[in-house]
C-alpha cells in the first residue's frame, strides 16, 4: 500500500464521521502558558523536594519557595511568548535556530539534551517515592528502581511506536 493510498483511506474514514481532517498549528496564550508551566513542572519539584527542603533548610527553605515560584513563572512567560511568536515543535533549539546563530542553537540543543538526561530520572525517582508511599511499598533502592523501570519501559515503548508511525 502506498503512502498516498493510506492518506486517502484515512480521509475517507474521517469524512464518514463528518469531520474535516486538519492540523492547526496555532496556540493561544493560555495554551502556550500552560505548556510552558507544565514543562517547567514546578509542582513536581515541590512534591519531590519538599521533605528534603524542610529537613535541610528549615524555615529558610520554606521562604525560598515564593522566590522560586516567581522565577519559574517568569521563565514560563518567556516560553509562552516564544511559542506564541514561533509556534513550532522542537523546544528551545528550534526557537534559537530562527532567532540566533547556528552555533547558539546547537549549544542549546546539547544543553537541553544534557538537562533532560538529568531531569527525567530525577522526576521518575520522585514519582517512585510517591508511588511507593501510596501503596505502602518499602522505599528501598531495589523497589524504587523496579517502579521506575516498570513505568519507563512501557512509556518508552509507547513513545517509540508513536514516533515510528
C-alpha atoms as a PDB file:
ATOM      1  CA  UNK A   1       0.000   0.000   0.000  1.00  0.00           C
ATOM      2  CA  UNK A   2       1.371   3.363  -0.985  1.00  0.00           C
ATOM      3  CA  UNK A   3       1.527   6.249   1.431  1.00  0.00           C
ATOM      4  CA  UNK A   4      -0.917   8.263  -0.715  1.00  0.00           C
ATOM      5  CA  UNK A   5      -3.451   5.418  -0.564  1.00  0.00           C
ATOM      6  CA  UNK A   6      -3.204   5.361   3.240  1.00  0.00           C
ATOM      7  CA  UNK A   7      -3.837   9.111   3.395  1.00  0.00           C
ATOM      8  CA  UNK A   8      -6.856   8.900   1.100  1.00  0.00           C
ATOM      9  CA  UNK A   9      -8.246   5.952   3.096  1.00  0.00           C
ATOM     10  CA  UNK A  10      -7.765   7.902   6.329  1.00  0.00           C
ATOM     11  CA  UNK A  11      -9.531  10.893   4.823  1.00  0.00           C
ATOM     12  CA  UNK A  12     -12.490   8.698   3.821  1.00  0.00           C
ATOM     13  CA  UNK A  13     -12.782   7.295   7.333  1.00  0.00           C
ATOM     14  CA  UNK A  14     -12.647  10.757   8.877  1.00  0.00           C
ATOM     15  CA  UNK A  15     -15.206  12.098   6.401  1.00  0.00           C
ATOM     16  CA  UNK A  16     -17.549   9.230   7.298  1.00  0.00           C
ATOM     17  CA  UNK A  17     -17.825  10.794  10.745  1.00  0.00           C
ATOM     18  CA  UNK A  18     -18.469  14.266   9.281  1.00  0.00           C
ATOM     19  CA  UNK A  19     -15.113  15.502  10.464  1.00  0.00           C
ATOM     20  CA  UNK A  20     -12.752  17.643   8.420  1.00  0.00           C
ATOM     21  CA  UNK A  21      -9.154  16.461   8.675  1.00  0.00           C
ATOM     22  CA  UNK A  22      -6.938  19.401   9.571  1.00  0.00           C
ATOM     23  CA  UNK A  23      -3.891  20.226  11.599  1.00  0.00           C
ATOM     24  CA  UNK A  24      -3.981  23.593  13.318  1.00  0.00           C
ATOM     25  CA  UNK A  25      -0.510  24.893  14.075  1.00  0.00           C
ATOM     26  CA  UNK A  26      -1.505  27.642  16.442  1.00  0.00           C
ATOM     27  CA  UNK A  27      -1.570  28.021  20.173  1.00  0.00           C
ATOM     28  CA  UNK A  28      -3.492  30.610  22.113  1.00  0.00           C
ATOM     29  CA  UNK A  29      -1.929  32.495  25.006  1.00  0.00           C
ATOM     30  CA  UNK A  30      -3.316  30.286  27.773  1.00  0.00           C
ATOM     31  CA  UNK A  31      -2.293  27.091  25.951  1.00  0.00           C
ATOM     32  CA  UNK A  32       1.225  28.412  25.476  1.00  0.00           C
ATOM     33  CA  UNK A  33       1.493  29.386  29.130  1.00  0.00           C
ATOM     34  CA  UNK A  34       0.084  26.033  30.285  1.00  0.00           C
ATOM     35  CA  UNK A  35       2.582  24.054  28.195  1.00  0.00           C
ATOM     36  CA  UNK A  36       5.492  26.162  29.394  1.00  0.00           C
ATOM     37  CA  UNK A  37       4.390  25.928  33.015  1.00  0.00           C
ATOM     38  CA  UNK A  38       3.871  22.166  32.882  1.00  0.00           C
ATOM     39  CA  UNK A  39       7.256  21.621  31.262  1.00  0.00           C
ATOM     40  CA  UNK A  40       8.968  23.582  33.998  1.00  0.00           C
ATOM     41  CA  UNK A  41       6.981  21.333  36.327  1.00  0.00           C
ATOM     42  CA  UNK A  42       7.193  23.343  39.499  1.00  0.00           C
ATOM     43  CA  UNK A  43       4.636  21.042  41.126  1.00  0.00           C
ATOM     44  CA  UNK A  44       6.893  18.058  40.514  1.00  0.00           C
ATOM     45  CA  UNK A  45       9.732  19.926  42.167  1.00  0.00           C
ATOM     46  CA  UNK A  46       7.592  20.873  45.132  1.00  0.00           C
ATOM     47  CA  UNK A  47       6.255  17.387  45.739  1.00  0.00           C
ATOM     48  CA  UNK A  48       9.540  15.558  45.283  1.00  0.00           C
ATOM     49  CA  UNK A  49      11.787  18.029  47.108  1.00  0.00           C
ATOM     50  CA  UNK A  50       9.572  19.333  49.904  1.00  0.00           C
ATOM     51  CA  UNK A  51      10.758  16.822  52.526  1.00  0.00           C
ATOM     52  CA  UNK A  52      14.400  17.431  51.593  1.00  0.00           C
ATOM     53  CA  UNK A  53      13.977  21.214  51.830  1.00  0.00           C
ATOM     54  CA  UNK A  54      12.267  21.019  55.226  1.00  0.00           C
ATOM     55  CA  UNK A  55      14.916  18.650  56.628  1.00  0.00           C
ATOM     56  CA  UNK A  56      17.931  20.573  55.385  1.00  0.00           C
ATOM     57  CA  UNK A  57      16.768  24.172  55.129  1.00  0.00           C
ATOM     58  CA  UNK A  58      14.109  24.539  57.775  1.00  0.00           C
ATOM     59  CA  UNK A  59      12.241  27.865  57.719  1.00  0.00           C
ATOM     60  CA  UNK A  60      14.635  29.363  55.159  1.00  0.00           C
ATOM     61  CA  UNK A  61      13.685  26.537  52.811  1.00  0.00           C
ATOM     62  CA  UNK A  62      10.006  27.347  53.183  1.00  0.00           C
ATOM     63  CA  UNK A  63      10.556  31.040  52.424  1.00  0.00           C
ATOM     64  CA  UNK A  64      12.628  30.215  49.341  1.00  0.00           C
ATOM     65  CA  UNK A  65       9.583  28.707  47.593  1.00  0.00           C
ATOM     66  CA  UNK A  66       7.860  32.025  46.761  1.00  0.00           C
ATOM     67  CA  UNK A  67      11.092  33.322  45.217  1.00  0.00           C
ATOM     68  CA  UNK A  68      11.414  30.112  43.195  1.00  0.00           C
ATOM     69  CA  UNK A  69       7.790  30.276  42.072  1.00  0.00           C
ATOM     70  CA  UNK A  70       8.184  33.868  40.859  1.00  0.00           C
ATOM     71  CA  UNK A  71      11.324  32.921  38.905  1.00  0.00           C
ATOM     72  CA  UNK A  72       9.642  29.895  37.339  1.00  0.00           C
ATOM     73  CA  UNK A  73       6.610  31.979  36.366  1.00  0.00           C
ATOM     74  CA  UNK A  74       8.912  34.443  34.596  1.00  0.00           C
ATOM     75  CA  UNK A  75      10.542  31.582  32.677  1.00  0.00           C
ATOM     76  CA  UNK A  76       7.078  30.229  31.792  1.00  0.00           C
ATOM     77  CA  UNK A  77       6.070  33.654  30.462  1.00  0.00           C
ATOM     78  CA  UNK A  78       9.171  33.774  28.255  1.00  0.00           C
ATOM     79  CA  UNK A  79       8.396  30.288  26.909  1.00  0.00           C
ATOM     80  CA  UNK A  80       4.771  31.276  26.331  1.00  0.00           C
ATOM     81  CA  UNK A  81       5.822  34.384  24.406  1.00  0.00           C
ATOM     82  CA  UNK A  82       8.217  32.393  22.218  1.00  0.00           C
ATOM     83  CA  UNK A  83       5.590  29.751  21.493  1.00  0.00           C
ATOM     84  CA  UNK A  84       3.097  32.473  20.621  1.00  0.00           C
ATOM     85  CA  UNK A  85       5.509  34.074  18.168  1.00  0.00           C
ATOM     86  CA  UNK A  86       7.050  30.890  16.739  1.00  0.00           C
ATOM     87  CA  UNK A  87       4.510  28.050  17.198  1.00  0.00           C
ATOM     88  CA  UNK A  88       6.720  25.134  16.200  1.00  0.00           C
ATOM     89  CA  UNK A  89       7.780  21.969  17.914  1.00  0.00           C
ATOM     90  CA  UNK A  90      11.359  21.279  18.874  1.00  0.00           C
ATOM     91  CA  UNK A  91      11.813  23.062  22.185  1.00  0.00           C
ATOM     92  CA  UNK A  92      14.217  25.968  22.538  1.00  0.00           C
ATOM     93  CA  UNK A  93      16.598  24.627  19.879  1.00  0.00           C
ATOM     94  CA  UNK A  94      14.117  25.498  17.126  1.00  0.00           C
ATOM     95  CA  UNK A  95      13.430  28.935  18.553  1.00  0.00           C
ATOM     96  CA  UNK A  96      17.109  29.839  18.767  1.00  0.00           C
ATOM     97  CA  UNK A  97      17.737  28.417  15.313  1.00  0.00           C
ATOM     98  CA  UNK A  98      15.468  31.160  13.980  1.00  0.00           C
ATOM     99  CA  UNK A  99      16.465  33.908  16.413  1.00  0.00           C
ATOM    100  CA  UNK A 100      20.247  33.468  16.663  1.00  0.00           C
ATOM    101  CA  UNK A 101      23.262  31.793  15.096  1.00  0.00           C
ATOM    102  CA  UNK A 102      23.522  28.069  14.265  1.00  0.00           C
ATOM    103  CA  UNK A 103      26.203  27.644  16.951  1.00  0.00           C
ATOM    104  CA  UNK A 104      23.948  29.054  19.675  1.00  0.00           C
ATOM    105  CA  UNK A 105      21.081  26.769  18.645  1.00  0.00           C
ATOM    106  CA  UNK A 106      23.457  23.787  18.502  1.00  0.00           C
ATOM    107  CA  UNK A 107      24.749  24.547  22.011  1.00  0.00           C
ATOM    108  CA  UNK A 108      21.192  24.998  23.265  1.00  0.00           C
ATOM    109  CA  UNK A 109      20.214  21.640  21.805  1.00  0.00           C
ATOM    110  CA  UNK A 110      23.061  19.879  23.601  1.00  0.00           C
ATOM    111  CA  UNK A 111      22.495  21.729  26.873  1.00  0.00           C
ATOM    112  CA  UNK A 112      18.802  20.826  26.700  1.00  0.00           C
ATOM    113  CA  UNK A 113      19.683  17.204  25.974  1.00  0.00           C
ATOM    114  CA  UNK A 114      22.019  17.058  28.977  1.00  0.00           C
ATOM    115  CA  UNK A 115      19.408  18.805  31.123  1.00  0.00           C
ATOM    116  CA  UNK A 116      16.781  16.210  30.191  1.00  0.00           C
ATOM    117  CA  UNK A 117      19.202  13.360  30.896  1.00  0.00           C
ATOM    118  CA  UNK A 118      19.376  14.677  34.473  1.00  0.00           C
ATOM    119  CA  UNK A 119      15.770  15.782  34.924  1.00  0.00           C
ATOM    120  CA  UNK A 120      13.886  12.738  33.632  1.00  0.00           C
ATOM    121  CA  UNK A 121      15.478  10.236  36.062  1.00  0.00           C
ATOM    122  CA  UNK A 122      15.082  12.731  38.908  1.00  0.00           C
ATOM    123  CA  UNK A 123      11.371  13.177  38.252  1.00  0.00           C
ATOM    124  CA  UNK A 124      10.950   9.419  37.831  1.00  0.00           C
ATOM    125  CA  UNK A 125      12.718   8.793  41.141  1.00  0.00           C
ATOM    126  CA  UNK A 126      10.439  11.327  42.827  1.00  0.00           C
ATOM    127  CA  UNK A 127       7.426   9.614  41.230  1.00  0.00           C
ATOM    128  CA  UNK A 128       8.657   6.256  42.525  1.00  0.00           C
ATOM    129  CA  UNK A 129       8.893   7.634  46.076  1.00  0.00           C
ATOM    130  CA  UNK A 130       5.335   8.973  45.920  1.00  0.00           C
ATOM    131  CA  UNK A 131       4.041   5.763  44.299  1.00  0.00           C
ATOM    132  CA  UNK A 132       5.744   3.594  46.935  1.00  0.00           C
ATOM    133  CA  UNK A 133       4.241   5.725  49.701  1.00  0.00           C
ATOM    134  CA  UNK A 134       0.742   5.498  48.230  1.00  0.00           C
ATOM    135  CA  UNK A 135       0.802   1.706  48.058  1.00  0.00           C
ATOM    136  CA  UNK A 136       2.809   1.063  51.266  1.00  0.00           C
ATOM    137  CA  UNK A 137       5.784  -0.368  49.392  1.00  0.00           C
ATOM    138  CA  UNK A 138       9.101  -0.239  51.239  1.00  0.00           C
ATOM    139  CA  UNK A 139      11.192   2.571  49.736  1.00  0.00           C
ATOM    140  CA  UNK A 140      14.338   0.506  49.235  1.00  0.00           C
ATOM    141  CA  UNK A 141      16.646   1.235  46.321  1.00  0.00           C
ATOM    142  CA  UNK A 142      15.639  -2.002  44.586  1.00  0.00           C
ATOM    143  CA  UNK A 143      11.901  -1.330  44.924  1.00  0.00           C
ATOM    144  CA  UNK A 144      12.285   2.233  43.646  1.00  0.00           C
ATOM    145  CA  UNK A 145      14.332   1.031  40.668  1.00  0.00           C
ATOM    146  CA  UNK A 146      11.656  -1.545  39.846  1.00  0.00           C
ATOM    147  CA  UNK A 147       8.941   1.131  39.997  1.00  0.00           C
ATOM    148  CA  UNK A 148      10.946   3.468  37.747  1.00  0.00           C
ATOM    149  CA  UNK A 149      11.655   0.706  35.222  1.00  0.00           C
ATOM    150  CA  UNK A 150       8.051  -0.504  35.409  1.00  0.00           C
ATOM    151  CA  UNK A 151       6.947   2.988  34.460  1.00  0.00           C
ATOM    152  CA  UNK A 152       9.635   3.814  31.895  1.00  0.00           C
ATOM    153  CA  UNK A 153       9.696   0.592  29.871  1.00  0.00           C
ATOM    154  CA  UNK A 154       6.025   0.732  28.762  1.00  0.00           C
ATOM    155  CA  UNK A 155       6.151   4.526  28.378  1.00  0.00           C
ATOM    156  CA  UNK A 156       9.314   4.332  26.263  1.00  0.00           C
ATOM    157  CA  UNK A 157       7.824   1.572  24.139  1.00  0.00           C
ATOM    158  CA  UNK A 158       4.641   3.568  23.553  1.00  0.00           C
ATOM    159  CA  UNK A 159       6.625   6.674  22.641  1.00  0.00           C
ATOM    160  CA  UNK A 160       8.882   4.714  20.284  1.00  0.00           C
ATOM    161  CA  UNK A 161       5.916   3.178  18.475  1.00  0.00           C
ATOM    162  CA  UNK A 162       4.107   6.525  18.340  1.00  0.00           C
ATOM    163  CA  UNK A 163       7.143   8.314  16.849  1.00  0.00           C
ATOM    164  CA  UNK A 164       7.845   5.488  14.407  1.00  0.00           C
ATOM    165  CA  UNK A 165       4.489   5.888  12.654  1.00  0.00           C
END
